[in-house]
Amino acid sequence: MKVAIIKDEIFLKHNPGDYHPERPERLEKIYARLEDPEFSQWLKVLSPRPATEEELAWNHDPAYIRSVAATAGQAHVQLDPDTATSPESYQAALNAVGAQFVGLEALFQGSVEAVFALVRPPGHHAEYNRAMGFCLFNNVALAAHYALKRLGCQRVLIVDWDLHHGNGTQWSFYESDQVLYFSTHQFPYYPGTGRVEEIGRGRGLGFTVNVPLSAGCGDGEYATVFHEILIPVAEGFKPEVILISAGFDIYFADPLGGMSVTPIGVAYLTRLIKDLAQRFCQGKILLTLEGGYNLQGLAECVAAVISELAGQSIIPEDRLEELKKVKASLGVINQVKETLRPYWRF
C-alpha cells in the first residue's frame, strides 16, 4: 500500500507554552522516528498548503477566524484555559487545515492510498466559534467539508479514537447524513460530551455513534468495539473516504489519560479500518494527528500505524488471534446497539 506523510517545520513553531503538554517536541519525536531507514525507503513525504479564509468558513464563524488571525505575531494569547498561541500559531493552524486538502487530493488522484497528516495544532475540540482543548481550527471536520464540497463525496466516515471525545467534530455534522462520526473515548472525562444517547439530530439521526469507555480499557476492549460497532455501521454506511482523528493519548502510559492501549493495539485498529477502506473506498484513508503526550509512546504508536498501512505489520500472530476474540464484558456495546438499532443492522 502506498503511504504518505505530511510534515513541515511550521508545525514545530506553534508553542502554547514551555510546560504545555501539546508542545513541539511531540512532532520532533515522531519526525525523528520516521527518519529510520525502515520507513525512508517506502514512505512518501508531502508538503502542506495554507487553507484560505473561505475554506475555514465552511466550519467556523468568520468573526472567530479573524480573532485567531489577530494572534499572528503576538507573543502569547490565551484563547481558552487550555489553548494558547505564539507568533506563528495562526500560520501553523492554516497549514494544519491545508494539509488535509493536500492529503485528500493525493488520495483521490490515486498517487497514494493512505496519508498521515502529522500536524499541530490538533483540531477535534475546535467548535464553530471557539478554540478549545489545545485546538484552533477543526482539521478533520474541514477535511470532511473538502471531500463533500470539492471532491464530490456523498458519504464520509470519521473515526475518532483519541482519548477525548471530539465535541467540535460531532457538532459540525450533528444534523448531517453525509458524515458519519464514530468516537471511542474515556468517559466521564474532558470535554464531558459523547454520551451514548448523542446520536445526531434531524437528517443526522443515527449518524453520530458514541462509545464512551471506562478508564483502563486496552487493546482487547478497543478491538471488540471496532468489531461489534464500527464494522457493521461502516458496512451499512459504505463510506467513499475514511478520515481518522488519530489521537494516541489512549497509550497505556499517557500522562493525560487512563487507557491501556499499546502500539500493537493501534496497529490492529488500523488494520480493521484499512480492511474497510479497501472494501468500500479503494483504500482511501486520511489520518490526522490529534492528542498523545507520552513522547516515546506517541512516536511508537505512529510508527506502528504507518507500518500497518504499508503492509509491514508489527502484530505477532499470537496477539492477532487474541485480538480477534470478542470481550463479552463490555456492557456499553449493548447500550450502543440498542440505541442505534433503528438506524443500523448489528
Protein backbone atom coordinates (compact mmCIF):
# COMPACT_ATOMS: atom_id res chain seq x y z
CA MET A 1 0.00 0.00 0.00
CA LYS A 2 1.34 3.43 -0.95
CA VAL A 3 1.57 5.66 2.14
CA ALA A 4 2.45 9.33 2.52
CA ILE A 5 3.02 11.63 5.46
CA ILE A 6 2.56 15.39 5.54
CA LYS A 7 5.16 17.26 7.57
CA ASP A 8 6.59 20.77 7.75
CA GLU A 9 8.74 22.93 10.02
CA ILE A 10 5.83 25.34 10.53
CA PHE A 11 4.12 22.78 12.76
CA LEU A 12 7.05 22.95 15.18
CA LYS A 13 6.64 26.72 15.57
CA HIS A 14 3.28 26.60 17.34
CA ASN A 15 4.26 26.87 21.01
CA PRO A 16 1.40 27.29 23.51
CA GLY A 17 3.84 27.42 26.44
CA ASP A 18 7.07 25.89 27.72
CA TYR A 19 5.28 23.49 30.07
CA HIS A 20 2.24 22.86 27.91
CA PRO A 21 1.60 19.16 27.14
CA GLU A 22 0.84 19.93 23.48
CA ARG A 23 4.38 21.05 22.70
CA PRO A 24 6.61 20.95 19.60
CA GLU A 25 8.63 18.00 20.95
CA ARG A 26 5.65 15.77 20.16
CA LEU A 27 6.22 16.17 16.44
CA GLU A 28 10.00 16.31 16.72
CA LYS A 29 9.94 12.84 18.26
CA ILE A 30 7.64 11.50 15.53
CA TYR A 31 9.61 13.07 12.69
CA ALA A 32 12.85 11.62 14.08
CA ARG A 33 11.32 8.15 14.43
CA LEU A 34 10.17 8.16 10.82
CA GLU A 35 13.66 9.02 9.56
CA ASP A 36 14.74 5.46 10.37
CA PRO A 37 15.77 3.55 7.21
CA GLU A 38 12.85 1.13 7.66
CA PHE A 39 10.49 4.00 6.75
CA SER A 40 12.54 6.21 4.44
CA GLN A 41 12.75 3.58 1.70
CA TRP A 42 9.00 3.49 1.05
CA LEU A 43 7.39 6.50 2.72
CA LYS A 44 6.40 9.45 0.55
CA VAL A 45 6.58 12.97 2.06
CA LEU A 46 4.11 15.69 1.06
CA SER A 47 4.12 19.39 1.96
CA PRO A 48 1.05 21.26 3.21
CA ARG A 49 -0.50 24.42 1.89
CA PRO A 50 -2.31 27.09 3.92
CA ALA A 51 -6.10 26.95 3.99
CA THR A 52 -7.93 30.07 2.84
CA GLU A 53 -10.36 32.04 4.98
CA GLU A 54 -13.15 30.95 2.66
CA GLU A 55 -12.27 27.30 3.32
CA LEU A 56 -12.07 27.83 7.08
CA ALA A 57 -15.55 29.40 6.97
CA TRP A 58 -17.01 26.06 5.88
CA ASN A 59 -16.78 25.09 9.53
CA HIS A 60 -16.02 28.25 11.53
CA ASP A 61 -17.56 31.65 12.23
CA PRO A 62 -15.76 34.34 10.16
CA ALA A 63 -15.53 36.52 13.28
CA TYR A 64 -13.80 33.68 15.12
CA ILE A 65 -11.41 33.15 12.21
CA ARG A 66 -10.47 36.83 12.36
CA SER A 67 -9.90 36.61 16.11
CA VAL A 68 -7.42 33.76 15.62
CA ALA A 69 -5.77 35.62 12.73
CA ALA A 70 -5.28 38.58 15.07
CA THR A 71 -2.94 36.45 17.22
CA ALA A 72 -0.36 36.28 14.41
CA GLY A 73 2.90 37.87 15.53
CA GLN A 74 1.79 38.22 19.15
CA ALA A 75 3.96 36.61 21.80
CA HIS A 76 1.19 34.87 23.73
CA VAL A 77 -2.61 34.94 23.50
CA GLN A 78 -4.75 32.75 25.76
CA LEU A 79 -7.84 31.68 23.80
CA ASP A 80 -9.30 29.42 26.48
CA PRO A 81 -7.92 27.98 29.75
CA ASP A 82 -6.12 25.20 27.85
CA THR A 83 -5.44 26.81 24.49
CA ALA A 84 -2.85 29.49 23.72
CA THR A 85 -1.00 30.83 20.70
CA SER A 86 2.51 32.03 19.88
CA PRO A 87 3.61 34.30 17.00
CA GLU A 88 3.37 31.62 14.28
CA SER A 89 0.45 29.58 15.62
CA TYR A 90 -2.03 31.04 13.15
CA GLN A 91 0.17 30.10 10.21
CA ALA A 92 0.66 26.62 11.64
CA ALA A 93 -3.09 26.24 12.07
CA LEU A 94 -3.74 27.34 8.46
CA ASN A 95 -1.27 24.74 7.23
CA ALA A 96 -2.68 22.05 9.53
CA VAL A 97 -6.03 22.52 7.80
CA GLY A 98 -4.49 22.84 4.35
CA ALA A 99 -2.59 19.61 4.92
CA GLN A 100 -5.96 17.85 4.95
CA PHE A 101 -6.73 19.15 1.49
CA VAL A 102 -3.32 18.18 0.11
CA GLY A 103 -3.77 14.70 1.56
CA LEU A 104 -7.25 14.27 0.12
CA GLU A 105 -6.14 15.42 -3.34
CA ALA A 106 -3.32 12.84 -3.26
CA LEU A 107 -5.79 10.12 -2.28
CA PHE A 108 -8.32 10.98 -4.96
CA GLN A 109 -5.66 11.36 -7.66
CA GLY A 110 -4.54 7.84 -6.79
CA SER A 111 -0.90 8.67 -6.12
CA VAL A 112 -1.21 7.16 -2.61
CA GLU A 113 -3.80 5.07 -0.74
CA ALA A 114 -3.21 6.40 2.77
CA VAL A 115 -1.95 9.72 4.11
CA PHE A 116 -1.00 10.66 7.67
CA ALA A 117 -1.05 14.41 8.31
CA LEU A 118 1.49 14.88 11.09
CA VAL A 119 0.38 18.35 12.08
CA ARG A 120 -0.07 20.71 15.01
CA PRO A 121 -2.16 22.25 16.46
CA PRO A 122 -4.72 19.44 16.75
CA GLY A 123 -8.34 20.08 15.87
CA HIS A 124 -11.20 17.89 17.05
CA HIS A 125 -12.26 20.06 20.02
CA ALA A 126 -12.44 23.29 17.99
CA GLU A 127 -16.06 24.40 17.64
CA TYR A 128 -17.78 26.78 15.24
CA ASN A 129 -16.86 29.92 17.16
CA ARG A 130 -14.29 28.98 19.79
CA ALA A 131 -10.92 27.40 20.43
CA MET A 132 -10.94 24.55 22.91
CA GLY A 133 -8.77 21.76 24.28
CA PHE A 134 -5.49 22.79 22.54
CA CYS A 135 -7.33 23.16 19.19
CA LEU A 136 -7.68 26.26 16.97
CA PHE A 137 -9.41 25.06 13.78
CA ASN A 138 -11.08 21.68 13.31
CA ASN A 139 -8.73 19.93 10.89
CA VAL A 140 -10.71 16.73 10.37
CA ALA A 141 -14.09 18.46 10.13
CA LEU A 142 -12.67 20.71 7.42
CA ALA A 143 -11.28 17.66 5.64
CA ALA A 144 -14.81 16.24 5.57
CA HIS A 145 -16.16 19.51 4.18
CA TYR A 146 -13.48 19.44 1.47
CA ALA A 147 -14.40 15.89 0.49
CA LEU A 148 -18.06 16.89 0.19
CA LYS A 149 -17.60 20.29 -1.48
CA ARG A 150 -14.55 19.79 -3.69
CA LEU A 151 -14.30 16.06 -4.37
CA GLY A 152 -17.95 15.16 -4.88
CA CYS A 153 -18.24 12.73 -1.99
CA GLN A 154 -21.64 11.90 -0.53
CA ARG A 155 -20.52 9.69 2.38
CA VAL A 156 -17.55 10.45 4.65
CA LEU A 157 -16.71 8.30 7.68
CA ILE A 158 -14.79 9.90 10.56
CA VAL A 159 -13.26 7.54 13.12
CA ASP A 160 -12.04 9.32 16.26
CA TRP A 161 -10.03 7.07 18.58
CA ASP A 162 -8.47 9.92 20.60
CA LEU A 163 -8.86 9.54 24.37
CA HIS A 164 -11.09 12.62 24.48
CA HIS A 165 -14.41 13.00 22.74
CA GLY A 166 -14.25 15.17 19.62
CA ASN A 167 -17.02 17.56 20.55
CA GLY A 168 -16.19 20.02 17.77
CA THR A 169 -16.31 17.38 15.07
CA GLN A 170 -19.54 15.90 16.41
CA TRP A 171 -21.37 19.24 16.41
CA SER A 172 -20.07 20.09 12.94
CA PHE A 173 -22.11 17.28 11.40
CA TYR A 174 -24.76 16.57 14.02
CA GLU A 175 -27.60 17.18 11.54
CA SER A 176 -25.90 15.64 8.50
CA ASP A 177 -26.44 12.20 6.95
CA GLN A 178 -23.38 12.63 4.72
CA VAL A 179 -20.80 12.44 7.50
CA LEU A 180 -20.85 9.55 9.97
CA TYR A 181 -18.94 10.40 13.14
CA PHE A 182 -17.76 7.43 15.23
CA SER A 183 -15.94 8.03 18.53
CA THR A 184 -14.41 5.91 21.25
CA HIS A 185 -13.39 7.96 24.29
CA GLN A 186 -12.77 7.85 28.01
CA PHE A 187 -15.93 8.88 29.87
CA PRO A 188 -16.65 10.74 32.05
CA TYR A 189 -13.75 12.95 31.13
CA TYR A 190 -12.94 16.15 29.27
CA PRO A 191 -14.84 17.67 27.48
CA GLY A 192 -17.90 15.96 29.01
CA THR A 193 -19.70 15.20 25.74
CA GLY A 194 -20.04 11.90 23.92
CA ARG A 195 -22.81 10.04 25.72
CA VAL A 196 -24.37 7.01 24.01
CA GLU A 197 -27.60 8.99 23.61
CA GLU A 198 -25.90 11.64 21.45
CA ILE A 199 -26.78 10.13 18.05
CA GLY A 200 -27.48 13.15 15.83
CA ARG A 201 -30.49 15.30 15.05
CA GLY A 202 -32.90 15.62 12.13
CA ARG A 203 -31.43 14.05 8.99
CA GLY A 204 -28.38 13.23 11.06
CA LEU A 205 -30.16 10.85 13.43
CA GLY A 206 -28.06 7.71 13.71
CA PHE A 207 -25.03 9.27 12.03
CA THR A 208 -23.27 10.08 15.31
CA VAL A 209 -22.03 6.96 17.09
CA ASN A 210 -20.51 7.42 20.54
CA VAL A 211 -18.91 4.59 22.52
CA PRO A 212 -17.96 6.05 25.93
CA LEU A 213 -15.49 3.77 27.71
CA SER A 214 -14.37 3.47 31.31
CA ALA A 215 -10.72 4.10 32.15
CA GLY A 216 -8.49 1.04 31.89
CA CYS A 217 -9.65 -0.27 28.51
CA GLY A 218 -6.87 -1.79 26.45
CA ASP A 219 -6.21 -3.45 23.11
CA GLY A 220 -8.87 -6.14 23.51
CA GLU A 221 -11.66 -3.77 24.51
CA TYR A 222 -10.96 -1.37 21.66
CA ALA A 223 -10.76 -4.25 19.18
CA THR A 224 -14.11 -5.56 20.43
CA VAL A 225 -15.78 -2.16 20.00
CA PHE A 226 -14.49 -1.89 16.45
CA HIS A 227 -15.64 -5.42 15.59
CA GLU A 228 -19.05 -5.11 17.23
CA ILE A 229 -19.96 -1.49 16.43
CA LEU A 230 -17.74 0.23 13.87
CA ILE A 231 -17.56 -2.53 11.26
CA PRO A 232 -21.32 -3.21 10.98
CA VAL A 233 -22.14 0.52 10.94
CA ALA A 234 -19.50 1.20 8.28
CA GLU A 235 -20.81 -1.72 6.22
CA GLY A 236 -24.23 -0.10 6.22
CA PHE A 237 -22.88 3.38 5.50
CA LYS A 238 -20.41 2.41 2.72
CA PRO A 239 -18.01 5.38 3.00
CA GLU A 240 -16.26 6.90 0.00
CA VAL A 241 -13.32 8.01 2.15
CA ILE A 242 -12.33 7.38 5.77
CA LEU A 243 -10.87 10.10 7.98
CA ILE A 244 -9.21 9.23 11.29
CA SER A 245 -8.74 11.59 14.22
CA ALA A 246 -5.66 9.74 15.36
CA GLY A 247 -5.04 10.58 18.99
CA PHE A 248 -2.52 8.48 20.91
CA ASP A 249 -3.39 9.58 24.42
CA ILE A 250 -5.04 6.12 24.65
CA TYR A 251 -1.47 4.79 25.06
CA PHE A 252 -1.05 2.96 28.37
CA ALA A 253 1.49 5.41 29.80
CA ASP A 254 0.00 8.69 28.60
CA PRO A 255 0.16 11.34 31.35
CA LEU A 256 -3.26 12.80 30.46
CA GLY A 257 -5.16 9.55 30.02
CA GLY A 258 -6.28 6.43 31.78
CA MET A 259 -6.42 3.87 28.98
CA SER A 260 -4.16 0.85 28.42
CA VAL A 261 -3.67 0.61 24.65
CA THR A 262 -0.31 -0.48 23.18
CA PRO A 263 1.25 0.17 19.76
CA ILE A 264 0.11 -3.31 18.75
CA GLY A 265 -3.43 -2.30 19.66
CA VAL A 266 -3.44 0.81 17.47
CA ALA A 267 -1.88 -1.21 14.66
CA TYR A 268 -4.80 -3.63 14.90
CA LEU A 269 -7.39 -0.83 14.86
CA THR A 270 -5.61 0.47 11.77
CA ARG A 271 -5.82 -2.97 10.16
CA LEU A 272 -9.59 -3.10 10.69
CA ILE A 273 -10.06 0.38 9.19
CA LYS A 274 -7.71 -0.46 6.31
CA ASP A 275 -9.85 -3.52 5.52
CA LEU A 276 -12.99 -1.34 5.48
CA ALA A 277 -11.29 1.20 3.24
CA GLN A 278 -10.21 -1.46 0.78
CA ARG A 279 -13.76 -2.86 0.66
CA PHE A 280 -15.61 0.43 0.22
CA CYS A 281 -13.36 3.29 -0.92
CA GLN A 282 -10.36 1.95 -2.87
CA GLY A 283 -8.25 2.07 0.30
CA LYS A 284 -8.55 5.84 0.79
CA ILE A 285 -7.66 6.77 4.39
CA LEU A 286 -6.57 10.16 5.71
CA LEU A 287 -5.25 10.18 9.28
CA THR A 288 -4.67 13.38 11.20
CA LEU A 289 -2.72 13.67 14.43
CA GLU A 290 -4.72 14.69 17.49
CA GLY A 291 -3.53 14.02 21.07
CA GLY A 292 -0.80 11.88 22.60
CA TYR A 293 1.53 13.22 25.29
CA ASN A 294 3.94 10.42 26.19
CA LEU A 295 6.62 11.28 23.64
CA GLN A 296 8.10 7.82 23.22
CA GLY A 297 4.70 6.14 23.17
CA LEU A 298 3.41 8.67 20.67
CA ALA A 299 6.27 8.04 18.27
CA GLU A 300 5.98 4.26 18.56
CA CYS A 301 2.21 4.34 18.03
CA VAL A 302 2.53 6.49 14.90
CA ALA A 303 5.25 4.18 13.60
CA ALA A 304 3.03 1.15 14.27
CA VAL A 305 0.11 2.70 12.37
CA ILE A 306 2.23 3.64 9.36
CA SER A 307 3.88 0.21 9.30
CA GLU A 308 0.45 -1.43 9.30
CA LEU A 309 -0.78 0.76 6.46
CA ALA A 310 2.31 -0.10 4.42
CA GLY A 311 1.89 -3.83 4.96
CA GLN A 312 4.81 -4.08 7.40
CA SER A 313 2.77 -5.13 10.43
CA ILE A 314 4.24 -5.32 13.92
CA ILE A 315 1.42 -7.57 15.20
CA PRO A 316 2.65 -11.06 16.22
CA GLU A 317 0.43 -13.95 15.14
CA ASP A 318 -0.47 -14.96 18.70
CA ARG A 319 -1.59 -11.39 19.51
CA LEU A 320 -3.55 -11.25 16.28
CA GLU A 321 -5.60 -14.29 17.24
CA GLU A 322 -6.15 -12.85 20.71
CA LEU A 323 -7.38 -9.51 19.34
CA LYS A 324 -9.92 -11.25 17.11
CA LYS A 325 -11.70 -12.65 20.18
CA VAL A 326 -14.66 -10.59 21.37
CA LYS A 327 -14.60 -9.46 25.00
CA ALA A 328 -18.15 -10.00 26.26
CA SER A 329 -17.70 -7.89 29.39
CA LEU A 330 -18.25 -4.52 27.70
CA GLY A 331 -21.78 -3.54 28.67
CA VAL A 332 -21.60 -0.29 26.71
CA ILE A 333 -21.70 -2.26 23.47
CA ASN A 334 -25.23 -3.46 24.14
CA GLN A 335 -26.27 0.09 25.07
CA VAL A 336 -24.92 1.43 21.79
CA LYS A 337 -26.56 -1.33 19.76
CA GLU A 338 -29.95 -0.81 21.41
CA THR A 339 -29.76 2.94 20.87
CA LEU A 340 -28.73 2.69 17.22
CA ARG A 341 -30.68 -0.41 16.16
CA PRO A 342 -33.34 1.71 14.40
CA TYR A 343 -30.60 3.02 12.08
CA TRP A 344 -28.05 0.22 11.62
CA ARG A 345 -28.00 -3.58 11.45
CA PHE A 346 -25.91 -5.31 14.12
